[in-house]
């Protein structure tokens, strides 16, 4: 992985984490929190989309997948906190 790929990966993570934070709570989690939520969300979203037989490609597809995964992650965290 070269530096350009790493920067793009982190930017997608930050953007998707920020979007998920806005959708779920109305605010973001700071740059580091957004990146972590976005990266874990990207893995989760990729797994879920794969199970459903959905494929995404390109930058927009990556952002959508990561954002959906981050929303799922935040929803799961919310459910666990309430229990």
PDB file of N, CA and C in Angstrom:
ATOM      1  N   UNK A   1       0.859  -1.170   0.000  1.00  0.00           N
ATOM      2  CA  UNK A   1       0.000   0.000   0.000  1.00  0.00           C
ATOM      3  C   UNK A   1       0.904   1.232   0.000  1.00  0.00           C
ATOM      4  N   UNK A   2       0.741   2.072  -0.990  1.00  0.00           N
ATOM      5  CA  UNK A   2       1.548   3.291  -1.039  1.00  0.00           C
ATOM      6  C   UNK A   2       0.857   4.412  -0.264  1.00  0.00           C
ATOM      7  N   UNK A   3       1.536   5.530  -0.139  1.00  0.00           N
ATOM      8  CA  UNK A   3       1.037   6.636   0.695  1.00  0.00           C
ATOM      9  C   UNK A   3      -0.253   7.239   0.136  1.00  0.00           C
ATOM     10  N   UNK A   4      -0.386   7.281  -1.188  1.00  0.00           N
ATOM     11  CA  UNK A   4      -1.600   7.839  -1.790  1.00  0.00           C
ATOM     12  C   UNK A   4      -2.810   6.978  -1.455  1.00  0.00           C
ATOM     13  N   UNK A   5      -2.655   5.675  -1.557  1.00  0.00           N
ATOM     14  CA  UNK A   5      -3.748   4.763  -1.225  1.00  0.00           C
ATOM     15  C   UNK A   5      -4.128   4.887   0.244  1.00  0.00           C
ATOM     16  N   UNK A   6      -3.146   4.995   1.110  1.00  0.00           N
ATOM     17  CA  UNK A   6      -3.402   5.148   2.538  1.00  0.00           C
ATOM     18  C   UNK A   6      -4.164   6.437   2.829  1.00  0.00           C
ATOM     19  N   UNK A   7      -3.775   7.527   2.198  1.00  0.00           N
ATOM     20  CA  UNK A   7      -4.459   8.813   2.407  1.00  0.00           C
ATOM     21  C   UNK A   7      -5.903   8.737   1.919  1.00  0.00           C
ATOM     22  N   UNK A   8      -6.131   8.122   0.763  1.00  0.00           N
ATOM     23  CA  UNK A   8      -7.491   7.971   0.245  1.00  0.00           C
ATOM     24  C   UNK A   8      -8.322   7.099   1.187  1.00  0.00           C
ATOM     25  N   UNK A   9      -7.732   6.004   1.667  1.00  0.00           N
ATOM     26  CA  UNK A   9      -8.409   5.102   2.599  1.00  0.00           C
ATOM     27  C   UNK A   9      -8.819   5.844   3.868  1.00  0.00           C
ATOM     28  N   UNK A  10      -7.916   6.632   4.424  1.00  0.00           N
ATOM     29  CA  UNK A  10      -8.223   7.399   5.634  1.00  0.00           C
ATOM     30  C   UNK A  10      -9.259   8.482   5.366  1.00  0.00           C
ATOM     31  N   UNK A  11      -9.199   9.118   4.196  1.00  0.00           N
ATOM     32  CA  UNK A  11     -10.175  10.155   3.853  1.00  0.00           C
ATOM     33  C   UNK A  11     -11.571   9.557   3.711  1.00  0.00           C
ATOM     34  N   UNK A  12     -11.671   8.399   3.065  1.00  0.00           N
ATOM     35  CA  UNK A  12     -12.969   7.733   2.943  1.00  0.00           C
ATOM     36  C   UNK A  12     -13.484   7.335   4.327  1.00  0.00           C
ATOM     37  N   UNK A  13     -12.594   6.839   5.181  1.00  0.00           N
ATOM     38  CA  UNK A  13     -12.984   6.490   6.543  1.00  0.00           C
ATOM     39  C   UNK A  13     -13.496   7.693   7.315  1.00  0.00           C
ATOM     40  N   UNK A  14     -12.789   8.807   7.203  1.00  0.00           N
ATOM     41  CA  UNK A  14     -13.204  10.021   7.910  1.00  0.00           C
ATOM     42  C   UNK A  14     -14.546  10.527   7.394  1.00  0.00           C
ATOM     43  N   UNK A  15     -14.707  10.544   6.074  1.00  0.00           N
ATOM     44  CA  UNK A  15     -15.955  11.034   5.486  1.00  0.00           C
ATOM     45  C   UNK A  15     -17.132  10.143   5.857  1.00  0.00           C
ATOM     46  N   UNK A  16     -16.961   8.838   5.734  1.00  0.00           N
ATOM     47  CA  UNK A  16     -18.073   7.940   6.037  1.00  0.00           C
ATOM     48  C   UNK A  16     -18.395   7.930   7.528  1.00  0.00           C
ATOM     49  N   UNK A  17     -17.377   8.031   8.390  1.00  0.00           N
ATOM     50  CA  UNK A  17     -17.626   8.124   9.824  1.00  0.00           C
ATOM     51  C   UNK A  17     -18.361   9.399  10.189  1.00  0.00           C
ATOM     52  N   UNK A  18     -17.985  10.497   9.557  1.00  0.00           N
ATOM     53  CA  UNK A  18     -18.651  11.781   9.789  1.00  0.00           C
ATOM     54  C   UNK A  18     -20.111  11.712   9.332  1.00  0.00           C
ATOM     55  N   UNK A  19     -20.341  11.152   8.126  1.00  0.00           N
ATOM     56  CA  UNK A  19     -21.711  11.030   7.618  1.00  0.00           C
ATOM     57  C   UNK A  19     -22.563  10.156   8.536  1.00  0.00           C
ATOM     58  N   UNK A  20     -21.997   9.041   8.979  1.00  0.00           N
ATOM     59  CA  UNK A  20     -22.742   8.155   9.876  1.00  0.00           C
ATOM     60  C   UNK A  20     -23.033   8.847  11.203  1.00  0.00           C
ATOM     61  N   UNK A  21     -22.074   9.624  11.704  1.00  0.00           N
ATOM     62  CA  UNK A  21     -22.294  10.364  12.945  1.00  0.00           C
ATOM     63  C   UNK A  21     -23.413  11.374  12.817  1.00  0.00           C
ATOM     64  N   UNK A  22     -23.461  12.040  11.678  1.00  0.00           N
ATOM     65  CA  UNK A  22     -24.534  13.016  11.450  1.00  0.00           C
ATOM     66  C   UNK A  22     -25.881  12.307  11.333  1.00  0.00           C
ATOM     67  N   UNK A  23     -25.912  11.203  10.596  1.00  0.00           N
ATOM     68  CA  UNK A  23     -27.165  10.477  10.400  1.00  0.00           C
ATOM     69  C   UNK A  23     -27.666   9.881  11.715  1.00  0.00           C
ATOM     70  N   UNK A  24     -26.769   9.345  12.517  1.00  0.00           N
ATOM     71  CA  UNK A  24     -27.184   8.642  13.734  1.00  0.00           C
ATOM     72  C   UNK A  24     -27.353   9.550  14.953  1.00  0.00           C
ATOM     73  N   UNK A  25     -26.535  10.564  15.089  1.00  0.00           N
ATOM     74  CA  UNK A  25     -26.568  11.376  16.310  1.00  0.00           C
ATOM     75  C   UNK A  25     -26.699  12.865  16.044  1.00  0.00           C
ATOM     76  N   UNK A  26     -26.514  13.278  14.827  1.00  0.00           N
ATOM     77  CA  UNK A  26     -26.580  14.691  14.519  1.00  0.00           C
ATOM     78  C   UNK A  26     -25.251  15.407  14.617  1.00  0.00           C
ATOM     79  N   UNK A  27     -24.136  14.678  14.863  1.00  0.00           N
ATOM     80  CA  UNK A  27     -22.817  15.296  14.913  1.00  0.00           C
ATOM     81  C   UNK A  27     -21.762  14.239  14.635  1.00  0.00           C
ATOM     82  N   UNK A  28     -20.549  14.692  14.397  1.00  0.00           N
ATOM     83  CA  UNK A  28     -19.443  13.767  14.161  1.00  0.00           C
ATOM     84  C   UNK A  28     -18.762  13.391  15.466  1.00  0.00           C
ATOM     85  N   UNK A  29     -17.664  12.652  15.373  1.00  0.00           N
ATOM     86  CA  UNK A  29     -16.951  12.168  16.544  1.00  0.00           C
ATOM     87  C   UNK A  29     -15.532  12.680  16.608  1.00  0.00           C
ATOM     88  N   UNK A  30     -15.214  13.725  15.888  1.00  0.00           N
ATOM     89  CA  UNK A  30     -13.839  14.182  15.804  1.00  0.00           C
ATOM     90  C   UNK A  30     -13.122  13.415  14.711  1.00  0.00           C
ATOM     91  N   UNK A  31     -12.007  13.911  14.255  1.00  0.00           N
ATOM     92  CA  UNK A  31     -11.343  13.321  13.099  1.00  0.00           C
ATOM     93  C   UNK A  31     -10.889  11.891  13.358  1.00  0.00           C
ATOM     94  N   UNK A  32     -10.293  11.620  14.503  1.00  0.00           N
ATOM     95  CA  UNK A  32      -9.813  10.264  14.800  1.00  0.00           C
ATOM     96  C   UNK A  32     -10.995   9.310  14.977  1.00  0.00           C
ATOM     97  N   UNK A  33     -12.012   9.733  15.705  1.00  0.00           N
ATOM     98  CA  UNK A  33     -13.206   8.903  15.894  1.00  0.00           C
ATOM     99  C   UNK A  33     -13.904   8.605  14.580  1.00  0.00           C
ATOM    100  N   UNK A  34     -14.022   9.625  13.717  1.00  0.00           N
ATOM    101  CA  UNK A  34     -14.649   9.432  12.415  1.00  0.00           C
ATOM    102  C   UNK A  34     -13.867   8.430  11.569  1.00  0.00           C
ATOM    103  N   UNK A  35     -12.546   8.542  11.581  1.00  0.00           N
ATOM    104  CA  UNK A  35     -11.725   7.617  10.799  1.00  0.00           C
ATOM    105  C   UNK A  35     -11.908   6.193  11.307  1.00  0.00           C
ATOM    106  N   UNK A  36     -11.870   6.000  12.631  1.00  0.00           N
ATOM    107  CA  UNK A  36     -12.028   4.652  13.192  1.00  0.00           C
ATOM    108  C   UNK A  36     -13.407   4.067  12.894  1.00  0.00           C
ATOM    109  N   UNK A  37     -14.445   4.857  13.096  1.00  0.00           N
ATOM    110  CA  UNK A  37     -15.804   4.386  12.804  1.00  0.00           C
ATOM    111  C   UNK A  37     -15.940   4.079  11.313  1.00  0.00           C
ATOM    112  N   UNK A  38     -15.371   4.932  10.471  1.00  0.00           N
ATOM    113  CA  UNK A  38     -15.452   4.723   9.025  1.00  0.00           C
ATOM    114  C   UNK A  38     -14.698   3.489   8.564  1.00  0.00           C
ATOM    115  N   UNK A  39     -13.511   3.244   9.120  1.00  0.00           N
ATOM    116  CA  UNK A  39     -12.719   2.073   8.713  1.00  0.00           C
ATOM    117  C   UNK A  39     -13.404   0.782   9.156  1.00  0.00           C
ATOM    118  N   UNK A  40     -13.833   0.728  10.409  1.00  0.00           N
ATOM    119  CA  UNK A  40     -14.542  -0.462  10.882  1.00  0.00           C
ATOM    120  C   UNK A  40     -15.855  -0.616  10.118  1.00  0.00           C
ATOM    121  N   UNK A  41     -16.512   0.503   9.847  1.00  0.00           N
ATOM    122  CA  UNK A  41     -17.751   0.471   9.061  1.00  0.00           C
ATOM    123  C   UNK A  41     -17.527  -0.017   7.642  1.00  0.00           C
ATOM    124  N   UNK A  42     -16.395   0.330   7.049  1.00  0.00           N
ATOM    125  CA  UNK A  42     -16.090  -0.132   5.700  1.00  0.00           C
ATOM    126  C   UNK A  42     -15.937  -1.647   5.672  1.00  0.00           C
ATOM    127  N   UNK A  43     -15.274  -2.191   6.674  1.00  0.00           N
ATOM    128  CA  UNK A  43     -15.115  -3.650   6.757  1.00  0.00           C
ATOM    129  C   UNK A  43     -16.476  -4.310   6.963  1.00  0.00           C
ATOM    130  N   UNK A  44     -17.254  -3.787   7.901  1.00  0.00           N
ATOM    131  CA  UNK A  44     -18.577  -4.340   8.181  1.00  0.00           C
ATOM    132  C   UNK A  44     -19.496  -4.207   6.969  1.00  0.00           C
ATOM    133  N   UNK A  45     -19.495  -3.034   6.343  1.00  0.00           N
ATOM    134  CA  UNK A  45     -20.327  -2.811   5.160  1.00  0.00           C
ATOM    135  C   UNK A  45     -19.941  -3.722   4.004  1.00  0.00           C
ATOM    136  N   UNK A  46     -18.642  -3.899   3.789  1.00  0.00           N
ATOM    137  CA  UNK A  46     -18.184  -4.795   2.736  1.00  0.00           C
ATOM    138  C   UNK A  46     -18.631  -6.227   2.987  1.00  0.00           C
ATOM    139  N   UNK A  47     -18.570  -6.653   4.241  1.00  0.00           N
ATOM    140  CA  UNK A  47     -19.001  -7.996   4.601  1.00  0.00           C
ATOM    141  C   UNK A  47     -20.508  -8.167   4.368  1.00  0.00           C
ATOM    142  N   UNK A  48     -21.297  -7.207   4.846  1.00  0.00           N
ATOM    143  CA  UNK A  48     -22.757  -7.291   4.707  1.00  0.00           C
ATOM    144  C   UNK A  48     -23.157  -7.219   3.234  1.00  0.00           C
ATOM    145  N   UNK A  49     -22.556  -6.305   2.478  1.00  0.00           N
ATOM    146  CA  UNK A  49     -22.882  -6.201   1.061  1.00  0.00           C
ATOM    147  C   UNK A  49     -22.512  -7.492   0.333  1.00  0.00           C
ATOM    148  N   UNK A  50     -21.399  -8.117   0.732  1.00  0.00           N
ATOM    149  CA  UNK A  50     -21.001  -9.391   0.135  1.00  0.00           C
ATOM    150  C   UNK A  50     -22.001 -10.495   0.432  1.00  0.00           C
ATOM    151  N   UNK A  51     -22.497 -10.542   1.667  1.00  0.00           N
ATOM    152  CA  UNK A  51     -23.512 -11.541   2.027  1.00  0.00           C
ATOM    153  C   UNK A  51     -24.792 -11.362   1.220  1.00  0.00           C
ATOM    154  N   UNK A  52     -25.124 -10.107   0.927  1.00  0.00           N
ATOM    155  CA  UNK A  52     -26.343  -9.819   0.172  1.00  0.00           C
ATOM    156  C   UNK A  52     -26.145  -9.936  -1.335  1.00  0.00           C
ATOM    157  N   UNK A  53     -24.912 -10.173  -1.762  1.00  0.00           N
ATOM    158  CA  UNK A  53     -24.624 -10.300  -3.190  1.00  0.00           C
ATOM    159  C   UNK A  53     -24.525  -8.968  -3.908  1.00  0.00           C
ATOM    160  N   UNK A  54     -24.362  -7.892  -3.163  1.00  0.00           N
ATOM    161  CA  UNK A  54     -24.245  -6.560  -3.762  1.00  0.00           C
ATOM    162  C   UNK A  54     -22.774  -6.224  -3.978  1.00  0.00           C
ATOM    163  N   UNK A  55     -22.477  -5.584  -5.069  1.00  0.00           N
ATOM    164  CA  UNK A  55     -21.110  -5.153  -5.331  1.00  0.00           C
ATOM    165  C   UNK A  55     -21.098  -3.653  -5.583  1.00  0.00           C
ATOM    166  N   UNK A  56     -20.046  -3.018  -5.154  1.00  0.00           N
ATOM    167  CA  UNK A  56     -19.877  -1.596  -5.396  1.00  0.00           C
ATOM    168  C   UNK A  56     -18.501  -1.386  -5.996  1.00  0.00           C
ATOM    169  N   UNK A  57     -18.387  -0.349  -6.783  1.00  0.00           N
ATOM    170  CA  UNK A  57     -17.087  -0.037  -7.364  1.00  0.00           C
ATOM    171  C   UNK A  57     -16.926   1.478  -7.415  1.00  0.00           C
ATOM    172  N   UNK A  58     -15.712   1.902  -7.447  1.00  0.00           N
ATOM    173  CA  UNK A  58     -15.425   3.321  -7.540  1.00  0.00           C
ATOM    174  C   UNK A  58     -15.446   4.015  -6.197  1.00  0.00           C
ATOM    175  N   UNK A  59     -15.138   5.282  -6.230  1.00  0.00           N
ATOM    176  CA  UNK A  59     -15.050   6.079  -5.017  1.00  0.00           C
ATOM    177  C   UNK A  59     -16.407   6.225  -4.333  1.00  0.00           C
ATOM    178  N   UNK A  60     -17.438   6.535  -5.101  1.00  0.00           N
ATOM    179  CA  UNK A  60     -18.772   6.711  -4.514  1.00  0.00           C
ATOM    180  C   UNK A  60     -19.280   5.412  -3.900  1.00  0.00           C
ATOM    181  N   UNK A  61     -19.045   4.295  -4.567  1.00  0.00           N
ATOM    182  CA  UNK A  61     -19.452   3.001  -4.021  1.00  0.00           C
ATOM    183  C   UNK A  61     -18.745   2.689  -2.723  1.00  0.00           C
ATOM    184  N   UNK A  62     -17.470   3.039  -2.632  1.00  0.00           N
ATOM    185  CA  UNK A  62     -16.713   2.826  -1.401  1.00  0.00           C
ATOM    186  C   UNK A  62     -17.257   3.673  -0.266  1.00  0.00           C
ATOM    187  N   UNK A  63     -17.604   4.912  -0.566  1.00  0.00           N
ATOM    188  CA  UNK A  63     -18.153   5.804   0.452  1.00  0.00           C
ATOM    189  C   UNK A  63     -19.508   5.297   0.934  1.00  0.00           C
ATOM    190  N   UNK A  64     -20.354   4.858  -0.001  1.00  0.00           N
ATOM    191  CA  UNK A  64     -21.679   4.339   0.369  1.00  0.00           C
ATOM    192  C   UNK A  64     -21.541   3.089   1.231  1.00  0.00           C
ATOM    193  N   UNK A  65     -20.668   2.168   0.813  1.00  0.00           N
ATOM    194  CA  UNK A  65     -20.463   0.934   1.569  1.00  0.00           C
ATOM    195  C   UNK A  65     -19.956   1.230   2.976  1.00  0.00           C
ATOM    196  N   UNK A  66     -18.958   2.104   3.080  1.00  0.00           N
ATOM    197  CA  UNK A  66     -18.391   2.441   4.382  1.00  0.00           C
ATOM    198  C   UNK A  66     -19.410   3.166   5.259  1.00  0.00           C
ATOM    199  N   UNK A  67     -20.204   4.047   4.680  1.00  0.00           N
ATOM    200  CA  UNK A  67     -21.202   4.782   5.455  1.00  0.00           C
ATOM    201  C   UNK A  67     -22.299   3.855   5.971  1.00  0.00           C
ATOM    202  N   UNK A  68     -22.775   2.967   5.118  1.00  0.00           N
ATOM    203  CA  UNK A  68     -23.800   2.008   5.552  1.00  0.00           C
ATOM    204  C   UNK A  68     -23.246   1.122   6.660  1.00  0.00           C
ATOM    205  N   UNK A  69     -22.020   0.662   6.492  1.00  0.00           N
ATOM    206  CA  UNK A  69     -21.391  -0.157   7.533  1.00  0.00           C
ATOM    207  C   UNK A  69     -21.205   0.605   8.826  1.00  0.00           C
ATOM    208  N   UNK A  70     -20.824   1.877   8.738  1.00  0.00           N
ATOM    209  CA  UNK A  70     -20.641   2.697   9.937  1.00  0.00           C
ATOM    210  C   UNK A  70     -21.975   2.929  10.641  1.00  0.00           C
ATOM    211  N   UNK A  71     -23.039   3.110   9.875  1.00  0.00           N
ATOM    212  CA  UNK A  71     -24.371   3.266  10.469  1.00  0.00           C
ATOM    213  C   UNK A  71     -24.765   1.978  11.194  1.00  0.00           C
ATOM    214  N   UNK A  72     -24.498   0.840  10.557  1.00  0.00           N
ATOM    215  CA  UNK A  72     -24.776  -0.439  11.220  1.00  0.00           C
ATOM    216  C   UNK A  72     -23.974  -0.579  12.504  1.00  0.00           C
ATOM    217  N   UNK A  73     -22.700  -0.201  12.449  1.00  0.00           N
ATOM    218  CA  UNK A  73     -21.840  -0.268  13.629  1.00  0.00           C
ATOM    219  C   UNK A  73     -22.374   0.601  14.755  1.00  0.00           C
ATOM    220  N   UNK A  74     -22.732   1.834  14.447  1.00  0.00           N
ATOM    221  CA  UNK A  74     -23.260   2.737  15.469  1.00  0.00           C
ATOM    222  C   UNK A  74     -24.600   2.244  16.019  1.00  0.00           C
ATOM    223  N   UNK A  75     -25.404   1.619  15.166  1.00  0.00           N
ATOM    224  CA  UNK A  75     -26.673   1.053  15.629  1.00  0.00           C
ATOM    225  C   UNK A  75     -26.430  -0.098  16.594  1.00  0.00           C
ATOM    226  N   UNK A  76     -25.488  -0.970  16.254  1.00  0.00           N
ATOM    227  CA  UNK A  76     -25.153  -2.083  17.140  1.00  0.00           C
ATOM    228  C   UNK A  76     -24.616  -1.595  18.479  1.00  0.00           C
ATOM    229  N   UNK A  77     -23.755  -0.580  18.433  1.00  0.00           N
ATOM    230  CA  UNK A  77     -23.221  -0.011  19.670  1.00  0.00           C
ATOM    231  C   UNK A  77     -24.341   0.570  20.522  1.00  0.00           C
ATOM    232  N   UNK A  78     -25.284   1.264  19.876  1.00  0.00           N
ATOM    233  CA  UNK A  78     -26.418   1.842  20.595  1.00  0.00           C
ATOM    234  C   UNK A  78     -27.276   0.766  21.261  1.00  0.00           C
ATOM    235  N   UNK A  79     -27.502  -0.339  20.552  1.00  0.00           N
ATOM    236  CA  UNK A  79     -28.303  -1.431  21.107  1.00  0.00           C
ATOM    237  C   UNK A  79     -27.584  -2.058  22.301  1.00  0.00           C
ATOM    238  N   UNK A  80     -26.276  -2.273  22.182  1.00  0.00           N
ATOM    239  CA  UNK A  80     -25.507  -2.881  23.270  1.00  0.00           C
ATOM    240  C   UNK A  80     -25.472  -1.966  24.487  1.00  0.00           C
ATOM    241  N   UNK A  81     -25.341  -0.655  24.265  1.00  0.00           N
ATOM    242  CA  UNK A  81     -25.317   0.292  25.389  1.00  0.00           C
ATOM    243  C   UNK A  81     -26.633   0.300  26.151  1.00  0.00           C
ATOM    244  N   UNK A  82     -27.748   0.131  25.442  1.00  0.00           N
ATOM    245  CA  UNK A  82     -29.072   0.150  26.079  1.00  0.00           C
ATOM    246  C   UNK A  82     -29.339  -1.112  26.879  1.00  0.00           C
ATOM    247  N   UNK A  83     -28.714  -2.200  26.486  1.00  0.00           N
ATOM    248  CA  UNK A  83     -28.970  -3.498  27.153  1.00  0.00           C
ATOM    249  C   UNK A  83     -28.274  -3.590  28.496  1.00  0.00           C
TER     250      UNK A  83
END
